[in-house]
Amino acid sequence: MKEFMLIFIGTDPTNAKLSPDQMQAHMGKWFSWIDSLKAKGTYVEGRPLIPAAKTVKGKKPVVTDGPFAESKEIVGGYFIVKASSIEEAAGIAKDCPDFELGGAVEVREVMKM
């Protein structure tokens, strides 16, 4: 099995103007999804990301605040999953709960080193 990163883009449920009950229900969907992936043996790890960031770039590296992406471009977290192909990994991503909030998932194969 290969490993793939599912990169969650464009939603921050805390900014989605959900009521506390809606937020709890939404997070319950995430925990259920994770539990189902673990039960299938496909879940390796995953974590949410804090929105604050720094960018380091240039030949003489300079550190700046940001990136300040539009909310639809914010990277909110990731999972590492096991799958036999990128198509299978994309199929796993189809169950992401954030689609109902307008989110997207980028699927990338993790290169073995």
PDB file of N, CA and C in Angstrom:
ATOM      1  N   MET A   1       0.842  -1.187   0.000  1.00  0.00           N
ATOM      2  CA  MET A   1       0.000   0.000   0.000  1.00  0.00           C
ATOM      3  C   MET A   1       0.886   1.248   0.000  1.00  0.00           C
ATOM      4  N   LYS A   2       0.425   2.234  -0.708  1.00  0.00           N
ATOM      5  CA  LYS A   2       1.103   3.525  -0.740  1.00  0.00           C
ATOM      6  C   LYS A   2       0.458   4.442   0.295  1.00  0.00           C
ATOM      7  N   GLU A   3       1.141   5.530   0.608  1.00  0.00           N
ATOM      8  CA  GLU A   3       0.564   6.537   1.501  1.00  0.00           C
ATOM      9  C   GLU A   3       0.228   7.789   0.708  1.00  0.00           C
ATOM     10  N   PHE A   4      -0.898   8.392   1.058  1.00  0.00           N
ATOM     11  CA  PHE A   4      -1.376   9.604   0.412  1.00  0.00           C
ATOM     12  C   PHE A   4      -1.728  10.630   1.471  1.00  0.00           C
ATOM     13  N   MET A   5      -1.478  11.886   1.156  1.00  0.00           N
ATOM     14  CA  MET A   5      -1.865  12.978   2.041  1.00  0.00           C
ATOM     15  C   MET A   5      -3.156  13.587   1.511  1.00  0.00           C
ATOM     16  N   LEU A   6      -4.136  13.690   2.385  1.00  0.00           N
ATOM     17  CA  LEU A   6      -5.363  14.415   2.075  1.00  0.00           C
ATOM     18  C   LEU A   6      -5.214  15.775   2.739  1.00  0.00           C
ATOM     19  N   ILE A   7      -5.164  16.813   1.945  1.00  0.00           N
ATOM     20  CA  ILE A   7      -4.955  18.177   2.450  1.00  0.00           C
ATOM     21  C   ILE A   7      -6.299  18.887   2.405  1.00  0.00           C
ATOM     22  N   PHE A   8      -6.781  19.299   3.573  1.00  0.00           N
ATOM     23  CA  PHE A   8      -8.114  19.894   3.684  1.00  0.00           C
ATOM     24  C   PHE A   8      -8.023  21.405   3.493  1.00  0.00           C
ATOM     25  N   ILE A   9      -8.730  21.900   2.482  1.00  0.00           N
ATOM     26  CA  ILE A   9      -8.614  23.288   2.052  1.00  0.00           C
ATOM     27  C   ILE A   9      -9.962  23.986   2.113  1.00  0.00           C
ATOM     28  N   GLY A  10      -9.931  25.220   2.622  1.00  0.00           N
ATOM     29  CA  GLY A  10     -11.047  26.121   2.413  1.00  0.00           C
ATOM     30  C   GLY A  10     -12.105  26.215   3.469  1.00  0.00           C
ATOM     31  N   THR A  11     -11.992  25.467   4.544  1.00  0.00           N
ATOM     32  CA  THR A  11     -13.006  25.618   5.576  1.00  0.00           C
ATOM     33  C   THR A  11     -12.364  25.661   6.944  1.00  0.00           C
ATOM     34  N   ASP A  12     -12.918  26.465   7.772  1.00  0.00           N
ATOM     35  CA  ASP A  12     -12.587  26.499   9.186  1.00  0.00           C
ATOM     36  C   ASP A  12     -13.929  26.475   9.895  1.00  0.00           C
ATOM     37  N   PRO A  13     -14.335  25.302  10.383  1.00  0.00           N
ATOM     38  CA  PRO A  13     -15.661  25.199  10.982  1.00  0.00           C
ATOM     39  C   PRO A  13     -15.919  26.231  12.078  1.00  0.00           C
ATOM     40  N   THR A  14     -14.862  26.710  12.731  1.00  0.00           N
ATOM     41  CA  THR A  14     -15.068  27.712  13.780  1.00  0.00           C
ATOM     42  C   THR A  14     -15.515  29.045  13.188  1.00  0.00           C
ATOM     43  N   ASN A  15     -15.242  29.278  11.894  1.00  0.00           N
ATOM     44  CA  ASN A  15     -15.663  30.513  11.234  1.00  0.00           C
ATOM     45  C   ASN A  15     -16.895  30.321  10.349  1.00  0.00           C
ATOM     46  N   ALA A  16     -17.493  29.144  10.388  1.00  0.00           N
ATOM     47  CA  ALA A  16     -18.615  28.833   9.502  1.00  0.00           C
ATOM     48  C   ALA A  16     -19.955  29.291  10.071  1.00  0.00           C
ATOM     49  N   LYS A  17     -19.918  30.018  11.173  1.00  0.00           N
ATOM     50  CA  LYS A  17     -21.140  30.541  11.800  1.00  0.00           C
ATOM     51  C   LYS A  17     -22.118  29.424  12.145  1.00  0.00           C
ATOM     52  N   LEU A  18     -21.563  28.311  12.636  1.00  0.00           N
ATOM     53  CA  LEU A  18     -22.394  27.212  13.082  1.00  0.00           C
ATOM     54  C   LEU A  18     -22.766  27.445  14.544  1.00  0.00           C
ATOM     55  N   SER A  19     -23.947  27.024  14.909  1.00  0.00           N
ATOM     56  CA  SER A  19     -24.347  27.083  16.315  1.00  0.00           C
ATOM     57  C   SER A  19     -23.505  26.050  17.070  1.00  0.00           C
ATOM     58  N   PRO A  20     -23.441  26.151  18.401  1.00  0.00           N
ATOM     59  CA  PRO A  20     -22.677  25.138  19.158  1.00  0.00           C
ATOM     60  C   PRO A  20     -23.156  23.711  18.869  1.00  0.00           C
ATOM     61  N   ASP A  21     -24.461  23.515  18.740  1.00  0.00           N
ATOM     62  CA  ASP A  21     -24.982  22.177  18.433  1.00  0.00           C
ATOM     63  C   ASP A  21     -24.568  21.732  17.037  1.00  0.00           C
ATOM     64  N   GLN A  22     -24.620  22.651  16.065  1.00  0.00           N
ATOM     65  CA  GLN A  22     -24.201  22.317  14.701  1.00  0.00           C
ATOM     66  C   GLN A  22     -22.703  22.001  14.652  1.00  0.00           C
ATOM     67  N   MET A  23     -21.910  22.769  15.403  1.00  0.00           N
ATOM     68  CA  MET A  23     -20.466  22.536  15.454  1.00  0.00           C
ATOM     69  C   MET A  23     -20.174  21.164  16.058  1.00  0.00           C
ATOM     70  N   GLN A  24     -20.872  20.832  17.122  1.00  0.00           N
ATOM     71  CA  GLN A  24     -20.677  19.527  17.758  1.00  0.00           C
ATOM     72  C   GLN A  24     -21.065  18.403  16.792  1.00  0.00           C
ATOM     73  N   ALA A  25     -22.167  18.566  16.082  1.00  0.00           N
ATOM     74  CA  ALA A  25     -22.606  17.568  15.107  1.00  0.00           C
ATOM     75  C   ALA A  25     -21.585  17.432  13.978  1.00  0.00           C
ATOM     76  N   HIS A  26     -21.053  18.577  13.516  1.00  0.00           N
ATOM     77  CA  HIS A  26     -20.055  18.552  12.436  1.00  0.00           C
ATOM     78  C   HIS A  26     -18.791  17.823  12.894  1.00  0.00           C
ATOM     79  N   MET A  27     -18.317  18.132  14.090  1.00  0.00           N
ATOM     80  CA  MET A  27     -17.121  17.465  14.606  1.00  0.00           C
ATOM     81  C   MET A  27     -17.383  15.978  14.814  1.00  0.00           C
ATOM     82  N   GLY A  28     -18.608  15.633  15.171  1.00  0.00           N
ATOM     83  CA  GLY A  28     -18.975  14.224  15.302  1.00  0.00           C
ATOM     84  C   GLY A  28     -18.821  13.485  13.986  1.00  0.00           C
ATOM     85  N   LYS A  29     -19.138  14.166  12.878  1.00  0.00           N
ATOM     86  CA  LYS A  29     -18.957  13.562  11.547  1.00  0.00           C
ATOM     87  C   LYS A  29     -17.479  13.288  11.281  1.00  0.00           C
ATOM     88  N   TRP A  30     -16.617  14.227  11.686  1.00  0.00           N
ATOM     89  CA  TRP A  30     -15.177  14.028  11.518  1.00  0.00           C
ATOM     90  C   TRP A  30     -14.704  12.820  12.316  1.00  0.00           C
ATOM     91  N   PHE A  31     -15.115  12.745  13.595  1.00  0.00           N
ATOM     92  CA  PHE A  31     -14.670  11.631  14.441  1.00  0.00           C
ATOM     93  C   PHE A  31     -15.204  10.301  13.914  1.00  0.00           C
ATOM     94  N   SER A  32     -16.419  10.283  13.401  1.00  0.00           N
ATOM     95  CA  SER A  32     -16.981   9.061  12.813  1.00  0.00           C
ATOM     96  C   SER A  32     -16.192   8.646  11.579  1.00  0.00           C
ATOM     97  N   TRP A  33     -15.830   9.640  10.738  1.00  0.00           N
ATOM     98  CA  TRP A  33     -15.046   9.343   9.540  1.00  0.00           C
ATOM     99  C   TRP A  33     -13.686   8.763   9.922  1.00  0.00           C
ATOM    100  N   ILE A  34     -13.032   9.382  10.883  1.00  0.00           N
ATOM    101  CA  ILE A  34     -11.726   8.883  11.340  1.00  0.00           C
ATOM    102  C   ILE A  34     -11.863   7.461  11.877  1.00  0.00           C
ATOM    103  N   ASP A  35     -12.891   7.228  12.697  1.00  0.00           N
ATOM    104  CA  ASP A  35     -13.100   5.884  13.248  1.00  0.00           C
ATOM    105  C   ASP A  35     -13.308   4.856  12.138  1.00  0.00           C
ATOM    106  N   SER A  36     -14.056   5.218  11.088  1.00  0.00           N
ATOM    107  CA  SER A  36     -14.300   4.268   9.996  1.00  0.00           C
ATOM    108  C   SER A  36     -13.009   3.993   9.223  1.00  0.00           C
ATOM    109  N   LEU A  37     -12.177   5.024   9.031  1.00  0.00           N
ATOM    110  CA  LEU A  37     -10.893   4.820   8.351  1.00  0.00           C
ATOM    111  C   LEU A  37      -9.964   3.945   9.189  1.00  0.00           C
ATOM    112  N   LYS A  38      -9.955   4.161  10.501  1.00  0.00           N
ATOM    113  CA  LYS A  38      -9.137   3.322  11.390  1.00  0.00           C
ATOM    114  C   LYS A  38      -9.603   1.872  11.336  1.00  0.00           C
ATOM    115  N   ALA A  39     -10.922   1.669  11.342  1.00  0.00           N
ATOM    116  CA  ALA A  39     -11.471   0.309  11.309  1.00  0.00           C
ATOM    117  C   ALA A  39     -11.084  -0.416  10.024  1.00  0.00           C
ATOM    118  N   LYS A  40     -10.940   0.323   8.928  1.00  0.00           N
ATOM    119  CA  LYS A  40     -10.547  -0.262   7.642  1.00  0.00           C
ATOM    120  C   LYS A  40      -9.034  -0.417   7.517  1.00  0.00           C
ATOM    121  N   GLY A  41      -8.281   0.163   8.467  1.00  0.00           N
ATOM    122  CA  GLY A  41      -6.823   0.099   8.413  1.00  0.00           C
ATOM    123  C   GLY A  41      -6.196   1.056   7.431  1.00  0.00           C
ATOM    124  N   THR A  42      -6.948   2.080   6.997  1.00  0.00           N
ATOM    125  CA  THR A  42      -6.403   3.019   6.013  1.00  0.00           C
ATOM    126  C   THR A  42      -5.874   4.304   6.639  1.00  0.00           C
ATOM    127  N   TYR A  43      -6.278   4.619   7.861  1.00  0.00           N
ATOM    128  CA  TYR A  43      -5.872   5.867   8.513  1.00  0.00           C
ATOM    129  C   TYR A  43      -4.494   5.690   9.131  1.00  0.00           C
ATOM    130  N   VAL A  44      -3.571   6.590   8.804  1.00  0.00           N
ATOM    131  CA  VAL A  44      -2.234   6.569   9.395  1.00  0.00           C
ATOM    132  C   VAL A  44      -2.138   7.645  10.470  1.00  0.00           C
ATOM    133  N   GLU A  45      -2.443   8.885  10.106  1.00  0.00           N
ATOM    134  CA  GLU A  45      -2.433   9.990  11.058  1.00  0.00           C
ATOM    135  C   GLU A  45      -3.110  11.202  10.439  1.00  0.00           C
ATOM    136  N   GLY A  46      -3.363  12.189  11.248  1.00  0.00           N
ATOM    137  CA  GLY A  46      -3.921  13.437  10.763  1.00  0.00           C
ATOM    138  C   GLY A  46      -3.993  14.447  11.883  1.00  0.00           C
ATOM    139  N   ARG A  47      -3.942  15.703  11.486  1.00  0.00           N
ATOM    140  CA  ARG A  47      -4.008  16.775  12.477  1.00  0.00           C
ATOM    141  C   ARG A  47      -4.573  18.034  11.843  1.00  0.00           C
ATOM    142  N   PRO A  48      -5.286  18.827  12.656  1.00  0.00           N
ATOM    143  CA  PRO A  48      -5.675  20.152  12.185  1.00  0.00           C
ATOM    144  C   PRO A  48      -4.475  21.088  12.291  1.00  0.00           C
ATOM    145  N   LEU A  49      -4.518  22.182  11.538  1.00  0.00           N
ATOM    146  CA  LEU A  49      -3.444  23.174  11.577  1.00  0.00           C
ATOM    147  C   LEU A  49      -3.972  24.478  12.166  1.00  0.00           C
ATOM    148  N   ILE A  50      -3.131  25.142  12.935  1.00  0.00           N
ATOM    149  CA  ILE A  50      -3.441  26.461  13.470  1.00  0.00           C
ATOM    150  C   ILE A  50      -3.405  27.440  12.294  1.00  0.00           C
ATOM    151  N   PRO A  51      -4.357  28.369  12.182  1.00  0.00           N
ATOM    152  CA  PRO A  51      -4.386  29.284  11.031  1.00  0.00           C
ATOM    153  C   PRO A  51      -3.168  30.210  10.909  1.00  0.00           C
ATOM    154  N   ALA A  52      -2.579  30.646  12.029  1.00  0.00           N
ATOM    155  CA  ALA A  52      -1.428  31.554  11.962  1.00  0.00           C
ATOM    156  C   ALA A  52      -0.249  30.843  11.296  1.00  0.00           C
ATOM    157  N   ALA A  53       0.487  31.583  10.437  1.00  0.00           N
ATOM    158  CA  ALA A  53       1.597  30.973   9.708  1.00  0.00           C
ATOM    159  C   ALA A  53       2.689  31.995   9.430  1.00  0.00           C
ATOM    160  N   LYS A  54       3.836  31.492   9.041  1.00  0.00           N
ATOM    161  CA  LYS A  54       4.966  32.294   8.572  1.00  0.00           C
ATOM    162  C   LYS A  54       5.392  31.734   7.226  1.00  0.00           C
ATOM    163  N   THR A  55       5.886  32.601   6.353  1.00  0.00           N
ATOM    164  CA  THR A  55       6.436  32.184   5.072  1.00  0.00           C
ATOM    165  C   THR A  55       7.917  32.535   5.068  1.00  0.00           C
ATOM    166  N   VAL A  56       8.739  31.577   4.663  1.00  0.00           N
ATOM    167  CA  VAL A  56      10.181  31.782   4.557  1.00  0.00           C
ATOM    168  C   VAL A  56      10.538  31.581   3.091  1.00  0.00           C
ATOM    169  N   LYS A  57      11.174  32.614   2.469  1.00  0.00           N
ATOM    170  CA  LYS A  57      11.530  32.472   1.060  1.00  0.00           C
ATOM    171  C   LYS A  57      12.665  33.417   0.686  1.00  0.00           C
ATOM    172  N   GLY A  58      13.246  33.153  -0.480  1.00  0.00           N
ATOM    173  CA  GLY A  58      14.306  33.992  -1.025  1.00  0.00           C
ATOM    174  C   GLY A  58      15.676  33.350  -0.916  1.00  0.00           C
ATOM    175  N   LYS A  59      16.619  33.856  -1.730  1.00  0.00           N
ATOM    176  CA  LYS A  59      17.986  33.341  -1.681  1.00  0.00           C
ATOM    177  C   LYS A  59      18.635  33.628  -0.342  1.00  0.00           C
ATOM    178  N   LYS A  60      18.317  34.774   0.226  1.00  0.00           N
ATOM    179  CA  LYS A  60      18.708  35.097   1.600  1.00  0.00           C
ATOM    180  C   LYS A  60      17.398  35.087   2.374  1.00  0.00           C
ATOM    181  N   PRO A  61      17.005  33.921   2.891  1.00  0.00           N
ATOM    182  CA  PRO A  61      15.661  33.727   3.414  1.00  0.00           C
ATOM    183  C   PRO A  61      15.162  34.851   4.331  1.00  0.00           C
ATOM    184  N   VAL A  62      13.957  35.280   3.996  1.00  0.00           N
ATOM    185  CA  VAL A  62      13.262  36.308   4.764  1.00  0.00           C
ATOM    186  C   VAL A  62      11.988  35.662   5.308  1.00  0.00           C
ATOM    187  N   VAL A  63      11.692  35.954   6.571  1.00  0.00           N
ATOM    188  CA  VAL A  63      10.498  35.419   7.208  1.00  0.00           C
ATOM    189  C   VAL A  63       9.441  36.515   7.261  1.00  0.00           C
ATOM    190  N   THR A  64       8.247  36.206   6.768  1.00  0.00           N
ATOM    191  CA  THR A  64       7.138  37.155   6.811  1.00  0.00           C
ATOM    192  C   THR A  64       5.916  36.471   7.411  1.00  0.00           C
ATOM    193  N   ASP A  65       4.975  37.270   7.886  1.00  0.00           N
ATOM    194  CA  ASP A  65       3.707  36.726   8.344  1.00  0.00           C
ATOM    195  C   ASP A  65       2.937  36.237   7.135  1.00  0.00           C
ATOM    196  N   GLY A  66       2.098  35.264   7.361  1.00  0.00           N
ATOM    197  CA  GLY A  66       1.248  34.764   6.286  1.00  0.00           C
ATOM    198  C   GLY A  66       1.685  33.391   5.851  1.00  0.00           C
ATOM    199  N   PRO A  67       1.120  32.839   4.833  1.00  0.00           N
ATOM    200  CA  PRO A  67       0.347  33.510   3.800  1.00  0.00           C
ATOM    201  C   PRO A  67      -1.037  33.921   4.296  1.00  0.00           C
ATOM    202  N   PHE A  68      -1.553  34.973   3.712  1.00  0.00           N
ATOM    203  CA  PHE A  68      -2.889  35.449   4.025  1.00  0.00           C
ATOM    204  C   PHE A  68      -3.794  35.074   2.860  1.00  0.00           C
ATOM    205  N   ALA A  69      -4.129  33.810   2.805  1.00  0.00           N
ATOM    206  CA  ALA A  69      -4.963  33.298   1.719  1.00  0.00           C
ATOM    207  C   ALA A  69      -6.420  33.674   1.965  1.00  0.00           C
ATOM    208  N   GLU A  70      -7.180  33.706   0.886  1.00  0.00           N
ATOM    209  CA  GLU A  70      -8.619  33.857   1.036  1.00  0.00           C
ATOM    210  C   GLU A  70      -9.128  32.632   1.783  1.00  0.00           C
ATOM    211  N   SER A  71     -10.246  32.772   2.471  1.00  0.00           N
ATOM    212  CA  SER A  71     -10.740  31.666   3.284  1.00  0.00           C
ATOM    213  C   SER A  71     -10.939  30.397   2.474  1.00  0.00           C
ATOM    214  N   LYS A  72     -11.251  30.513   1.192  1.00  0.00           N
ATOM    215  CA  LYS A  72     -11.442  29.320   0.365  1.00  0.00           C
ATOM    216  C   LYS A  72     -10.132  28.623   0.053  1.00  0.00           C
ATOM    217  N   GLU A  73      -8.980  29.242   0.379  1.00  0.00           N
ATOM    218  CA  GLU A  73      -7.672  28.662   0.085  1.00  0.00           C
ATOM    219  C   GLU A  73      -6.909  28.241   1.334  1.00  0.00           C
ATOM    220  N   ILE A  74      -7.493  28.409   2.509  1.00  0.00           N
ATOM    221  CA  ILE A  74      -6.805  28.098   3.759  1.00  0.00           C
ATOM    222  C   ILE A  74      -6.618  26.594   3.886  1.00  0.00           C
ATOM    223  N   VAL A  75      -5.403  26.175   4.230  1.00  0.00           N
ATOM    224  CA  VAL A  75      -5.139  24.775   4.512  1.00  0.00           C
ATOM    225  C   VAL A  75      -5.425  24.567   5.995  1.00  0.00           C
ATOM    226  N   GLY A  76      -6.426  23.740   6.281  1.00  0.00           N
ATOM    227  CA  GLY A  76      -6.875  23.577   7.659  1.00  0.00           C
ATOM    228  C   GLY A  76      -6.344  22.351   8.359  1.00  0.00           C
ATOM    229  N   GLY A  77      -5.788  21.408   7.619  1.00  0.00           N
ATOM    230  CA  GLY A  77      -5.276  20.196   8.239  1.00  0.00           C
ATOM    231  C   GLY A  77      -4.991  19.141   7.191  1.00  0.00           C
ATOM    232  N   TYR A  78      -4.645  17.942   7.678  1.00  0.00           N
ATOM    233  CA  TYR A  78      -4.293  16.870   6.757  1.00  0.00           C
ATOM    234  C   TYR A  78      -4.547  15.516   7.407  1.00  0.00           C
ATOM    235  N   PHE A  79      -4.671  14.508   6.572  1.00  0.00           N
ATOM    236  CA  PHE A  79      -4.628  13.102   6.968  1.00  0.00           C
ATOM    237  C   PHE A  79      -3.567  12.442   6.106  1.00  0.00           C
ATOM    238  N   ILE A  80      -2.960  11.399   6.628  1.00  0.00           N
ATOM    239  CA  ILE A  80      -2.181  10.467   5.837  1.00  0.00           C
ATOM    240  C   ILE A  80      -3.004   9.178   5.825  1.00  0.00           C
ATOM    241  N   VAL A  81      -3.282   8.664   4.637  1.00  0.00           N
ATOM    242  CA  VAL A  81      -4.052   7.431   4.501  1.00  0.00           C
ATOM    243  C   VAL A  81      -3.297   6.445   3.620  1.00  0.00           C
ATOM    244  N   LYS A  82      -3.631   5.166   3.773  1.00  0.00           N
ATOM    245  CA  LYS A  82      -3.062   4.120   2.940  1.00  0.00           C
ATOM    246  C   LYS A  82      -4.067   3.771   1.853  1.00  0.00           C
ATOM    247  N   ALA A  83      -3.569   3.652   0.638  1.00  0.00           N
ATOM    248  CA  ALA A  83      -4.413   3.257  -0.488  1.00  0.00           C
ATOM    249  C   ALA A  83      -3.518   2.641  -1.559  1.00  0.00           C
ATOM    250  N   SER A  84      -4.114   1.872  -2.460  1.00  0.00           N
ATOM    251  CA  SER A  84      -3.323   1.235  -3.513  1.00  0.00           C
ATOM    252  C   SER A  84      -3.057   2.176  -4.681  1.00  0.00           C
ATOM    253  N   SER A  85      -3.879   3.239  -4.813  1.00  0.00           N
ATOM    254  CA  SER A  85      -3.710   4.167  -5.938  1.00  0.00           C
ATOM    255  C   SER A  85      -4.243   5.542  -5.548  1.00  0.00           C
ATOM    256  N   ILE A  86      -3.897   6.536  -6.356  1.00  0.00           N
ATOM    257  CA  ILE A  86      -4.403   7.891  -6.098  1.00  0.00           C
ATOM    258  C   ILE A  86      -5.918   7.937  -6.307  1.00  0.00           C
ATOM    259  N   GLU A  87      -6.421   7.102  -7.190  1.00  0.00           N
ATOM    260  CA  GLU A  87      -7.872   7.046  -7.399  1.00  0.00           C
ATOM    261  C   GLU A  87      -8.575   6.517  -6.157  1.00  0.00           C
ATOM    262  N   GLU A  88      -7.997   5.502  -5.538  1.00  0.00           N
ATOM    263  CA  GLU A  88      -8.576   4.969  -4.300  1.00  0.00           C
ATOM    264  C   GLU A  88      -8.509   6.010  -3.184  1.00  0.00           C
ATOM    265  N   ALA A  89      -7.383   6.718  -3.094  1.00  0.00           N
ATOM    266  CA  ALA A  89      -7.243   7.763  -2.073  1.00  0.00           C
ATOM    267  C   ALA A  89      -8.260   8.878  -2.305  1.00  0.00           C
ATOM    268  N   ALA A  90      -8.485   9.238  -3.562  1.00  0.00           N
ATOM    269  CA  ALA A  90      -9.487  10.257  -3.883  1.00  0.00           C
ATOM    270  C   ALA A  90     -10.880   9.769  -3.484  1.00  0.00           C
ATOM    271  N   GLY A  91     -11.127   8.488  -3.630  1.00  0.00           N
ATOM    272  CA  GLY A  91     -12.399   7.921  -3.192  1.00  0.00           C
ATOM    273  C   GLY A  91     -12.578   8.029  -1.686  1.00  0.00           C
ATOM    274  N   ILE A  92     -11.495   7.814  -0.947  1.00  0.00           N
ATOM    275  CA  ILE A  92     -11.528   7.979   0.508  1.00  0.00           C
ATOM    276  C   ILE A  92     -11.876   9.424   0.849  1.00  0.00           C
ATOM    277  N   ALA A  93     -11.287  10.366   0.116  1.00  0.00           N
ATOM    278  CA  ALA A  93     -11.501  11.795   0.374  1.00  0.00           C
ATOM    279  C   ALA A  93     -12.946  12.227   0.148  1.00  0.00           C
ATOM    280  N   LYS A  94     -13.688  11.479  -0.654  1.00  0.00           N
ATOM    281  CA  LYS A  94     -15.068  11.856  -0.960  1.00  0.00           C
ATOM    282  C   LYS A  94     -15.979  11.890   0.270  1.00  0.00           C
ATOM    283  N   ASP A  95     -15.541  11.270   1.363  1.00  0.00           N
ATOM    284  CA  ASP A  95     -16.358  11.246   2.582  1.00  0.00           C
ATOM    285  C   ASP A  95     -16.026  12.394   3.541  1.00  0.00           C
ATOM    286  N   CYS A  96     -15.191  13.318   3.130  1.00  0.00           N
ATOM    287  CA  CYS A  96     -14.803  14.437   3.992  1.00  0.00           C
ATOM    288  C   CYS A  96     -16.036  15.251   4.400  1.00  0.00           C
ATOM    289  N   PRO A  97     -16.234  15.466   5.691  1.00  0.00           N
ATOM    290  CA  PRO A  97     -17.397  16.228   6.153  1.00  0.00           C
ATOM    291  C   PRO A  97     -17.406  17.703   5.746  1.00  0.00           C
ATOM    292  N   ASP A  98     -16.259  18.259   5.374  1.00  0.00           N
ATOM    293  CA  ASP A  98     -16.216  19.692   5.068  1.00  0.00           C
ATOM    294  C   ASP A  98     -16.767  20.054   3.696  1.00  0.00           C
ATOM    295  N   PHE A  99     -17.091  19.076   2.868  1.00  0.00           N
ATOM    296  CA  PHE A  99     -17.696  19.412   1.576  1.00  0.00           C
ATOM    297  C   PHE A  99     -19.002  20.171   1.763  1.00  0.00           C
ATOM    298  N   GLU A 100     -19.753  19.823   2.813  1.00  0.00           N
ATOM    299  CA  GLU A 100     -21.022  20.524   3.050  1.00  0.00           C
ATOM    300  C   GLU A 100     -20.813  21.975   3.472  1.00  0.00           C
ATOM    301  N   LEU A 101     -19.575  22.330   3.834  1.00  0.00           N
ATOM    302  CA  LEU A 101     -19.246  23.719   4.189  1.00  0.00           C
ATOM    303  C   LEU A 101     -18.465  24.410   3.069  1.00  0.00           C
ATOM    304  N   GLY A 102     -18.375  23.778   1.907  1.00  0.00           N
ATOM    305  CA  GLY A 102     -17.676  24.379   0.773  1.00  0.00           C
ATOM    306  C   GLY A 102     -16.201  24.048   0.693  1.00  0.00           C
ATOM    307  N   GLY A 103     -15.739  23.092   1.470  1.00  0.00           N
ATOM    308  CA  GLY A 103     -14.326  22.738   1.486  1.00  0.00           C
ATOM    309  C   GLY A 103     -13.906  21.900   0.294  1.00  0.00           C
ATOM    310  N   ALA A 104     -12.602  21.689   0.181  1.00  0.00           N
ATOM    311  CA  ALA A 104     -12.013  20.872  -0.868  1.00  0.00           C
ATOM    312  C   ALA A 104     -10.920  20.010  -0.247  1.00  0.00           C
ATOM    313  N   VAL A 105     -10.565  18.949  -0.937  1.00  0.00           N
ATOM    314  CA  VAL A 105      -9.482  18.082  -0.479  1.00  0.00           C
ATOM    315  C   VAL A 105      -8.516  17.881  -1.637  1.00  0.00           C
ATOM    316  N   GLU A 106      -7.260  18.196  -1.394  1.00  0.00           N
ATOM    317  CA  GLU A 106      -6.205  17.900  -2.372  1.00  0.00           C
ATOM    318  C   GLU A 106      -5.605  16.563  -1.976  1.00  0.00           C
ATOM    319  N   VAL A 107      -5.441  15.658  -2.934  1.00  0.00           N
ATOM    320  CA  VAL A 107      -4.909  14.323  -2.682  1.00  0.00           C
ATOM    321  C   VAL A 107      -3.558  14.224  -3.361  1.00  0.00           C
ATOM    322  N   ARG A 108      -2.515  13.901  -2.556  1.00  0.00           N
ATOM    323  CA  ARG A 108      -1.152  13.808  -3.081  1.00  0.00           C
ATOM    324  C   ARG A 108      -0.494  12.546  -2.562  1.00  0.00           C
ATOM    325  N   GLU A 109       0.210  11.847  -3.438  1.00  0.00           N
ATOM    326  CA  GLU A 109       0.965  10.670  -2.984  1.00  0.00           C
ATOM    327  C   GLU A 109       2.197  11.121  -2.210  1.00  0.00           C
ATOM    328  N   VAL A 110       2.478  10.439  -1.107  1.00  0.00           N
ATOM    329  CA  VAL A 110       3.656  10.733  -0.306  1.00  0.00           C
ATOM    330  C   VAL A 110       4.812   9.904  -0.883  1.00  0.00           C
ATOM    331  N   MET A 111       5.889  10.583  -1.260  1.00  0.00           N
ATOM    332  CA  MET A 111       7.024   9.913  -1.876  1.00  0.00           C
ATOM    333  C   MET A 111       7.807   9.136  -0.812  1.00  0.00           C
ATOM    334  N   LYS A 112       8.149   7.907  -1.135  1.00  0.00           N
ATOM    335  CA  LYS A 112       8.987   7.119  -0.232  1.00  0.00           C
ATOM    336  C   LYS A 112      10.424   7.612  -0.347  1.00  0.00           C
ATOM    337  N   MET A 113      11.078   7.742   0.783  1.00  0.00           N
ATOM    338  CA  MET A 113      12.462   8.210   0.797  1.00  0.00           C
ATOM    339  C   MET A 113      13.358   7.109   1.335  1.00  0.00           C
TER     340      MET A 113
END
